[in-house]
């Protein structure tokens, strides 16, 4: 009886290891031959998303406003055996958005996935103290640039029969963070943008979804943890 128990236990362990191995294989091939763009993807949430997309088989284009950040992220991800390239992209600049799209098409032949992750938060304080300049900057980068980045990739997705747009919003869209009024508002606006894009782009077989991450310790979120 004891031997039977040991044998059964061994079989269960073997079966679990086979399942885990097959799961990893299936997951790695999930996005094979897909091409993904991820904005603001050389650190924090964006880098983690880029890494996972590449681990699942996608060719990934990372981007940042600074060349040294792009170089560092590309070297790190390529060092892990992942198919990644990158380019400088300030999403608020039309020429940079165009360069990001061109880089993907040139290196990998098209675009299937856009993850819009870029955001700024240059303000901490009372909503009534926010200047017009701050409002313009936050809404330009967090909301308008997301819409324009999506507009830039849609023609390439349509050439491939469809695609997926993922907008990184925030839990702040549902439960505002104290002192981050304009940021909270911008993330709420992204939910509305996502809903509208989903309706309009469905006819092109392009899915649109919003993520609403909670508080994750990154350099960007230091203000929430008392870094201001």
C-alpha atoms as a PDB file:
ATOM      1  CA  UNK A   1       0.000   0.000   0.000  1.00  0.00           C
ATOM      2  CA  UNK A   2       2.856   2.328   0.846  1.00  0.00           C
ATOM      3  CA  UNK A   3       4.529   1.570  -2.489  1.00  0.00           C
ATOM      4  CA  UNK A   4       1.259   2.239  -4.294  1.00  0.00           C
ATOM      5  CA  UNK A   5       0.982   5.582  -2.533  1.00  0.00           C
ATOM      6  CA  UNK A   6       4.525   6.509  -3.509  1.00  0.00           C
ATOM      7  CA  UNK A   7       3.855   5.468  -7.100  1.00  0.00           C
ATOM      8  CA  UNK A   8       0.641   7.500  -7.217  1.00  0.00           C
ATOM      9  CA  UNK A   9       2.382  10.497  -5.711  1.00  0.00           C
ATOM     10  CA  UNK A  10       5.137  10.205  -8.310  1.00  0.00           C
ATOM     11  CA  UNK A  11       2.595  10.032 -11.124  1.00  0.00           C
ATOM     12  CA  UNK A  12       0.777  13.108  -9.835  1.00  0.00           C
ATOM     13  CA  UNK A  13       4.031  15.053  -9.622  1.00  0.00           C
ATOM     14  CA  UNK A  14       5.013  13.960 -13.117  1.00  0.00           C
ATOM     15  CA  UNK A  15       1.612  14.932 -14.485  1.00  0.00           C
ATOM     16  CA  UNK A  16       1.820  18.343 -12.838  1.00  0.00           C
ATOM     17  CA  UNK A  17       5.281  18.952 -14.298  1.00  0.00           C
ATOM     18  CA  UNK A  18       4.058  17.946 -17.764  1.00  0.00           C
ATOM     19  CA  UNK A  19       1.075  20.267 -17.447  1.00  0.00           C
ATOM     20  CA  UNK A  20       3.279  23.136 -16.301  1.00  0.00           C
ATOM     21  CA  UNK A  21       5.724  22.537 -19.148  1.00  0.00           C
ATOM     22  CA  UNK A  22       2.976  22.355 -21.757  1.00  0.00           C
ATOM     23  CA  UNK A  23       1.384  25.462 -20.262  1.00  0.00           C
ATOM     24  CA  UNK A  24       4.658  27.365 -20.640  1.00  0.00           C
ATOM     25  CA  UNK A  25       5.026  26.223 -24.241  1.00  0.00           C
ATOM     26  CA  UNK A  26       1.460  27.212 -25.093  1.00  0.00           C
ATOM     27  CA  UNK A  27       1.858  30.559 -23.385  1.00  0.00           C
ATOM     28  CA  UNK A  28       5.111  31.312 -25.168  1.00  0.00           C
ATOM     29  CA  UNK A  29       3.520  30.678 -28.551  1.00  0.00           C
ATOM     30  CA  UNK A  30       0.351  32.607 -27.756  1.00  0.00           C
ATOM     31  CA  UNK A  31       1.470  35.750 -29.606  1.00  0.00           C
ATOM     32  CA  UNK A  32       3.817  34.185 -32.150  1.00  0.00           C
ATOM     33  CA  UNK A  33       4.390  36.466 -35.151  1.00  0.00           C
ATOM     34  CA  UNK A  34       2.377  39.287 -33.584  1.00  0.00           C
ATOM     35  CA  UNK A  35       3.906  42.768 -33.434  1.00  0.00           C
ATOM     36  CA  UNK A  36       3.347  44.956 -30.382  1.00  0.00           C
ATOM     37  CA  UNK A  37       4.085  48.613 -29.660  1.00  0.00           C
ATOM     38  CA  UNK A  38       4.306  49.674 -26.018  1.00  0.00           C
ATOM     39  CA  UNK A  39       4.669  53.352 -25.158  1.00  0.00           C
ATOM     40  CA  UNK A  40       6.665  54.417 -22.089  1.00  0.00           C
ATOM     41  CA  UNK A  41       8.033  50.905 -21.833  1.00  0.00           C
ATOM     42  CA  UNK A  42      11.598  51.167 -20.547  1.00  0.00           C
ATOM     43  CA  UNK A  43      10.683  51.065 -16.853  1.00  0.00           C
ATOM     44  CA  UNK A  44       7.905  50.104 -14.449  1.00  0.00           C
ATOM     45  CA  UNK A  45       4.577  48.789 -15.724  1.00  0.00           C
ATOM     46  CA  UNK A  46       5.429  49.449 -19.369  1.00  0.00           C
ATOM     47  CA  UNK A  47       8.632  47.422 -19.221  1.00  0.00           C
ATOM     48  CA  UNK A  48       6.861  44.545 -17.482  1.00  0.00           C
ATOM     49  CA  UNK A  49       4.162  44.532 -20.171  1.00  0.00           C
ATOM     50  CA  UNK A  50       6.744  44.627 -22.967  1.00  0.00           C
ATOM     51  CA  UNK A  51       8.640  41.744 -21.393  1.00  0.00           C
ATOM     52  CA  UNK A  52       5.542  39.588 -21.028  1.00  0.00           C
ATOM     53  CA  UNK A  53       4.378  40.240 -24.579  1.00  0.00           C
ATOM     54  CA  UNK A  54       7.794  39.196 -25.871  1.00  0.00           C
ATOM     55  CA  UNK A  55       7.850  36.146 -23.605  1.00  0.00           C
ATOM     56  CA  UNK A  56       4.536  35.151 -25.169  1.00  0.00           C
ATOM     57  CA  UNK A  57       6.144  35.258 -28.611  1.00  0.00           C
ATOM     58  CA  UNK A  58       5.460  38.769 -29.880  1.00  0.00           C
ATOM     59  CA  UNK A  59       7.964  41.040 -31.580  1.00  0.00           C
ATOM     60  CA  UNK A  60       7.954  44.132 -29.379  1.00  0.00           C
ATOM     61  CA  UNK A  61       8.912  47.761 -30.010  1.00  0.00           C
ATOM     62  CA  UNK A  62       9.669  49.610 -26.778  1.00  0.00           C
ATOM     63  CA  UNK A  63       9.896  53.367 -26.480  1.00  0.00           C
ATOM     64  CA  UNK A  64      10.820  56.206 -24.163  1.00  0.00           C
ATOM     65  CA  UNK A  65      11.537  59.914 -24.396  1.00  0.00           C
ATOM     66  CA  UNK A  66      15.249  59.266 -23.765  1.00  0.00           C
ATOM     67  CA  UNK A  67      17.567  57.272 -26.008  1.00  0.00           C
ATOM     68  CA  UNK A  68      19.631  55.914 -23.122  1.00  0.00           C
ATOM     69  CA  UNK A  69      16.509  54.424 -21.546  1.00  0.00           C
ATOM     70  CA  UNK A  70      15.562  52.775 -24.831  1.00  0.00           C
ATOM     71  CA  UNK A  71      19.063  51.352 -25.260  1.00  0.00           C
ATOM     72  CA  UNK A  72      19.104  49.967 -21.719  1.00  0.00           C
ATOM     73  CA  UNK A  73      15.692  48.291 -22.008  1.00  0.00           C
ATOM     74  CA  UNK A  74      16.384  46.817 -25.447  1.00  0.00           C
ATOM     75  CA  UNK A  75      19.725  45.399 -24.264  1.00  0.00           C
ATOM     76  CA  UNK A  76      18.130  43.869 -21.184  1.00  0.00           C
ATOM     77  CA  UNK A  77      15.246  42.250 -23.048  1.00  0.00           C
ATOM     78  CA  UNK A  78      17.386  41.045 -25.948  1.00  0.00           C
ATOM     79  CA  UNK A  79      19.723  39.600 -23.327  1.00  0.00           C
ATOM     80  CA  UNK A  80      16.792  37.448 -22.202  1.00  0.00           C
ATOM     81  CA  UNK A  81      16.479  36.083 -25.727  1.00  0.00           C
ATOM     82  CA  UNK A  82      13.435  38.163 -26.591  1.00  0.00           C
ATOM     83  CA  UNK A  83      12.568  39.737 -29.954  1.00  0.00           C
ATOM     84  CA  UNK A  84      12.682  43.432 -29.101  1.00  0.00           C
ATOM     85  CA  UNK A  85      13.742  46.679 -30.717  1.00  0.00           C
ATOM     86  CA  UNK A  86      13.088  50.249 -29.668  1.00  0.00           C
ATOM     87  CA  UNK A  87      13.023  53.910 -30.566  1.00  0.00           C
ATOM     88  CA  UNK A  88      12.673  57.301 -28.927  1.00  0.00           C
ATOM     89  CA  UNK A  89       9.056  58.417 -28.752  1.00  0.00           C
ATOM     90  CA  UNK A  90       7.567  61.404 -27.005  1.00  0.00           C
ATOM     91  CA  UNK A  91       3.896  60.571 -27.527  1.00  0.00           C
ATOM     92  CA  UNK A  92       2.978  64.257 -27.514  1.00  0.00           C
ATOM     93  CA  UNK A  93       4.945  64.792 -30.731  1.00  0.00           C
ATOM     94  CA  UNK A  94       3.443  63.756 -34.064  1.00  0.00           C
ATOM     95  CA  UNK A  95       6.825  63.006 -35.628  1.00  0.00           C
ATOM     96  CA  UNK A  96       7.724  60.688 -32.741  1.00  0.00           C
ATOM     97  CA  UNK A  97       4.435  58.790 -32.986  1.00  0.00           C
ATOM     98  CA  UNK A  98       5.055  58.384 -36.728  1.00  0.00           C
ATOM     99  CA  UNK A  99       8.585  57.128 -36.037  1.00  0.00           C
ATOM    100  CA  UNK A 100       7.274  54.514 -33.613  1.00  0.00           C
ATOM    101  CA  UNK A 101       4.841  53.167 -36.200  1.00  0.00           C
ATOM    102  CA  UNK A 102       7.486  53.243 -38.938  1.00  0.00           C
ATOM    103  CA  UNK A 103       9.954  51.368 -36.730  1.00  0.00           C
ATOM    104  CA  UNK A 104       7.478  48.544 -36.168  1.00  0.00           C
ATOM    105  CA  UNK A 105       6.592  48.244 -39.842  1.00  0.00           C
ATOM    106  CA  UNK A 106      10.223  48.428 -40.950  1.00  0.00           C
ATOM    107  CA  UNK A 107      11.516  45.822 -38.486  1.00  0.00           C
ATOM    108  CA  UNK A 108       8.573  43.454 -38.208  1.00  0.00           C
ATOM    109  CA  UNK A 109       6.235  44.118 -41.150  1.00  0.00           C
ATOM    110  CA  UNK A 110       3.176  45.542 -39.397  1.00  0.00           C
ATOM    111  CA  UNK A 111       1.364  46.164 -36.123  1.00  0.00           C
ATOM    112  CA  UNK A 112      -1.084  43.935 -34.242  1.00  0.00           C
ATOM    113  CA  UNK A 113      -1.030  45.331 -30.710  1.00  0.00           C
ATOM    114  CA  UNK A 114      -0.764  48.782 -29.161  1.00  0.00           C
ATOM    115  CA  UNK A 115      -0.319  49.221 -25.424  1.00  0.00           C
ATOM    116  CA  UNK A 116      -0.757  52.901 -24.607  1.00  0.00           C
ATOM    117  CA  UNK A 117       1.031  53.327 -21.300  1.00  0.00           C
ATOM    118  CA  UNK A 118       2.583  56.800 -21.464  1.00  0.00           C
ATOM    119  CA  UNK A 119       1.433  59.271 -18.833  1.00  0.00           C
ATOM    120  CA  UNK A 120       2.637  62.298 -16.889  1.00  0.00           C
ATOM    121  CA  UNK A 121       1.780  63.669 -13.469  1.00  0.00           C
ATOM    122  CA  UNK A 122       3.538  67.016 -12.885  1.00  0.00           C
ATOM    123  CA  UNK A 123       1.238  68.138 -10.071  1.00  0.00           C
ATOM    124  CA  UNK A 124       0.477  67.314  -6.439  1.00  0.00           C
ATOM    125  CA  UNK A 125      -1.917  69.464  -4.454  1.00  0.00           C
ATOM    126  CA  UNK A 126      -5.419  70.897  -4.443  1.00  0.00           C
ATOM    127  CA  UNK A 127      -7.465  70.786  -7.616  1.00  0.00           C
ATOM    128  CA  UNK A 128      -8.273  74.484  -7.321  1.00  0.00           C
ATOM    129  CA  UNK A 129      -4.558  75.298  -7.513  1.00  0.00           C
ATOM    130  CA  UNK A 130      -3.989  73.584 -10.865  1.00  0.00           C
ATOM    131  CA  UNK A 131      -2.811  75.978 -13.568  1.00  0.00           C
ATOM    132  CA  UNK A 132      -3.995  75.951 -17.166  1.00  0.00           C
ATOM    133  CA  UNK A 133      -0.508  74.889 -18.225  1.00  0.00           C
ATOM    134  CA  UNK A 134      -0.658  71.802 -16.008  1.00  0.00           C
ATOM    135  CA  UNK A 135      -4.124  70.884 -17.274  1.00  0.00           C
ATOM    136  CA  UNK A 136      -2.898  71.189 -20.868  1.00  0.00           C
ATOM    137  CA  UNK A 137       0.161  69.022 -20.273  1.00  0.00           C
ATOM    138  CA  UNK A 138      -1.675  66.231 -18.463  1.00  0.00           C
ATOM    139  CA  UNK A 139      -4.597  66.050 -20.862  1.00  0.00           C
ATOM    140  CA  UNK A 140      -2.331  66.343 -23.918  1.00  0.00           C
ATOM    141  CA  UNK A 141      -0.115  63.428 -22.913  1.00  0.00           C
ATOM    142  CA  UNK A 142      -2.465  61.199 -20.940  1.00  0.00           C
ATOM    143  CA  UNK A 143      -5.571  61.512 -23.103  1.00  0.00           C
ATOM    144  CA  UNK A 144      -5.085  63.244 -26.459  1.00  0.00           C
ATOM    145  CA  UNK A 145      -1.829  61.455 -27.269  1.00  0.00           C
ATOM    146  CA  UNK A 146      -3.485  58.100 -26.540  1.00  0.00           C
ATOM    147  CA  UNK A 147      -6.225  58.889 -29.047  1.00  0.00           C
ATOM    148  CA  UNK A 148      -3.716  60.053 -31.660  1.00  0.00           C
ATOM    149  CA  UNK A 149      -1.410  57.076 -31.091  1.00  0.00           C
ATOM    150  CA  UNK A 150      -4.369  54.782 -31.661  1.00  0.00           C
ATOM    151  CA  UNK A 151      -5.268  56.690 -34.822  1.00  0.00           C
ATOM    152  CA  UNK A 152      -1.708  56.184 -36.079  1.00  0.00           C
ATOM    153  CA  UNK A 153      -1.727  52.397 -35.678  1.00  0.00           C
ATOM    154  CA  UNK A 154      -5.245  51.587 -36.876  1.00  0.00           C
ATOM    155  CA  UNK A 155      -4.393  51.636 -40.626  1.00  0.00           C
ATOM    156  CA  UNK A 156      -1.593  49.115 -40.020  1.00  0.00           C
ATOM    157  CA  UNK A 157      -3.877  46.885 -37.941  1.00  0.00           C
ATOM    158  CA  UNK A 158      -6.531  46.989 -40.638  1.00  0.00           C
ATOM    159  CA  UNK A 159      -3.972  45.750 -43.182  1.00  0.00           C
ATOM    160  CA  UNK A 160      -3.528  42.639 -40.979  1.00  0.00           C
ATOM    161  CA  UNK A 161      -7.233  42.029 -40.510  1.00  0.00           C
ATOM    162  CA  UNK A 162      -7.574  43.413 -37.009  1.00  0.00           C
ATOM    163  CA  UNK A 163      -5.707  44.019 -33.788  1.00  0.00           C
ATOM    164  CA  UNK A 164      -5.818  44.944 -30.143  1.00  0.00           C
ATOM    165  CA  UNK A 165      -5.494  48.290 -28.369  1.00  0.00           C
ATOM    166  CA  UNK A 166      -4.843  48.245 -24.631  1.00  0.00           C
ATOM    167  CA  UNK A 167      -5.073  51.546 -22.772  1.00  0.00           C
ATOM    168  CA  UNK A 168      -3.446  51.724 -19.353  1.00  0.00           C
ATOM    169  CA  UNK A 169      -5.809  53.753 -17.186  1.00  0.00           C
ATOM    170  CA  UNK A 170      -5.724  53.487 -13.378  1.00  0.00           C
ATOM    171  CA  UNK A 171      -7.731  52.565 -10.315  1.00  0.00           C
ATOM    172  CA  UNK A 172      -7.653  56.346  -9.810  1.00  0.00           C
ATOM    173  CA  UNK A 173     -10.341  56.527 -12.482  1.00  0.00           C
ATOM    174  CA  UNK A 174     -12.684  54.862  -9.983  1.00  0.00           C
ATOM    175  CA  UNK A 175     -11.259  55.962  -6.635  1.00  0.00           C
ATOM    176  CA  UNK A 176      -9.336  59.239  -6.969  1.00  0.00           C
ATOM    177  CA  UNK A 177      -5.971  59.580  -5.260  1.00  0.00           C
ATOM    178  CA  UNK A 178      -5.827  62.586  -2.905  1.00  0.00           C
ATOM    179  CA  UNK A 179      -3.712  65.416  -4.299  1.00  0.00           C
ATOM    180  CA  UNK A 180      -3.642  64.024  -7.844  1.00  0.00           C
ATOM    181  CA  UNK A 181      -6.788  65.631  -9.236  1.00  0.00           C
ATOM    182  CA  UNK A 182      -5.761  66.273 -12.862  1.00  0.00           C
ATOM    183  CA  UNK A 183      -4.157  62.825 -13.123  1.00  0.00           C
ATOM    184  CA  UNK A 184      -7.319  61.201 -11.746  1.00  0.00           C
ATOM    185  CA  UNK A 185      -9.448  63.103 -14.238  1.00  0.00           C
ATOM    186  CA  UNK A 186      -7.208  62.092 -17.143  1.00  0.00           C
ATOM    187  CA  UNK A 187      -7.448  58.423 -16.210  1.00  0.00           C
ATOM    188  CA  UNK A 188     -11.227  58.695 -15.950  1.00  0.00           C
ATOM    189  CA  UNK A 189     -11.250  60.226 -19.428  1.00  0.00           C
ATOM    190  CA  UNK A 190      -9.323  57.223 -20.736  1.00  0.00           C
ATOM    191  CA  UNK A 191     -12.190  54.941 -19.725  1.00  0.00           C
ATOM    192  CA  UNK A 192     -14.524  57.030 -21.879  1.00  0.00           C
ATOM    193  CA  UNK A 193     -12.023  57.069 -24.717  1.00  0.00           C
ATOM    194  CA  UNK A 194     -11.711  53.303 -24.560  1.00  0.00           C
ATOM    195  CA  UNK A 195     -15.478  52.792 -24.688  1.00  0.00           C
ATOM    196  CA  UNK A 196     -15.839  55.061 -27.714  1.00  0.00           C
ATOM    197  CA  UNK A 197     -12.905  53.520 -29.566  1.00  0.00           C
ATOM    198  CA  UNK A 198     -14.217  50.012 -28.872  1.00  0.00           C
ATOM    199  CA  UNK A 199     -17.509  50.838 -30.569  1.00  0.00           C
ATOM    200  CA  UNK A 200     -15.948  52.563 -33.567  1.00  0.00           C
ATOM    201  CA  UNK A 201     -13.112  50.110 -34.175  1.00  0.00           C
ATOM    202  CA  UNK A 202     -15.147  46.914 -33.754  1.00  0.00           C
ATOM    203  CA  UNK A 203     -16.034  47.059 -37.463  1.00  0.00           C
ATOM    204  CA  UNK A 204     -12.311  46.774 -38.218  1.00  0.00           C
ATOM    205  CA  UNK A 205     -11.947  43.757 -35.925  1.00  0.00           C
ATOM    206  CA  UNK A 206      -9.870  45.815 -33.484  1.00  0.00           C
ATOM    207  CA  UNK A 207     -10.504  45.185 -29.791  1.00  0.00           C
ATOM    208  CA  UNK A 208     -10.064  48.038 -27.320  1.00  0.00           C
ATOM    209  CA  UNK A 209      -9.656  47.440 -23.593  1.00  0.00           C
ATOM    210  CA  UNK A 210      -8.612  49.514 -20.596  1.00  0.00           C
ATOM    211  CA  UNK A 211      -6.473  48.313 -17.721  1.00  0.00           C
ATOM    212  CA  UNK A 212      -6.957  49.907 -14.307  1.00  0.00           C
ATOM    213  CA  UNK A 213      -3.899  48.958 -12.236  1.00  0.00           C
ATOM    214  CA  UNK A 214      -3.856  49.614  -8.524  1.00  0.00           C
ATOM    215  CA  UNK A 215      -0.932  51.207  -6.736  1.00  0.00           C
ATOM    216  CA  UNK A 216       2.247  49.499  -7.916  1.00  0.00           C
ATOM    217  CA  UNK A 217       5.614  50.604  -6.588  1.00  0.00           C
ATOM    218  CA  UNK A 218       7.442  52.125  -9.544  1.00  0.00           C
ATOM    219  CA  UNK A 219       9.481  55.279 -10.025  1.00  0.00           C
ATOM    220  CA  UNK A 220       6.392  56.942 -11.506  1.00  0.00           C
ATOM    221  CA  UNK A 221       4.238  56.215  -8.436  1.00  0.00           C
ATOM    222  CA  UNK A 222       6.684  57.547  -5.853  1.00  0.00           C
ATOM    223  CA  UNK A 223       4.472  60.569  -5.250  1.00  0.00           C
ATOM    224  CA  UNK A 224       1.758  58.249  -3.896  1.00  0.00           C
ATOM    225  CA  UNK A 225       4.223  56.727  -1.442  1.00  0.00           C
ATOM    226  CA  UNK A 226       5.363  60.063  -0.068  1.00  0.00           C
ATOM    227  CA  UNK A 227       8.042  60.782  -2.666  1.00  0.00           C
ATOM    228  CA  UNK A 228       6.694  64.280  -3.338  1.00  0.00           C
END
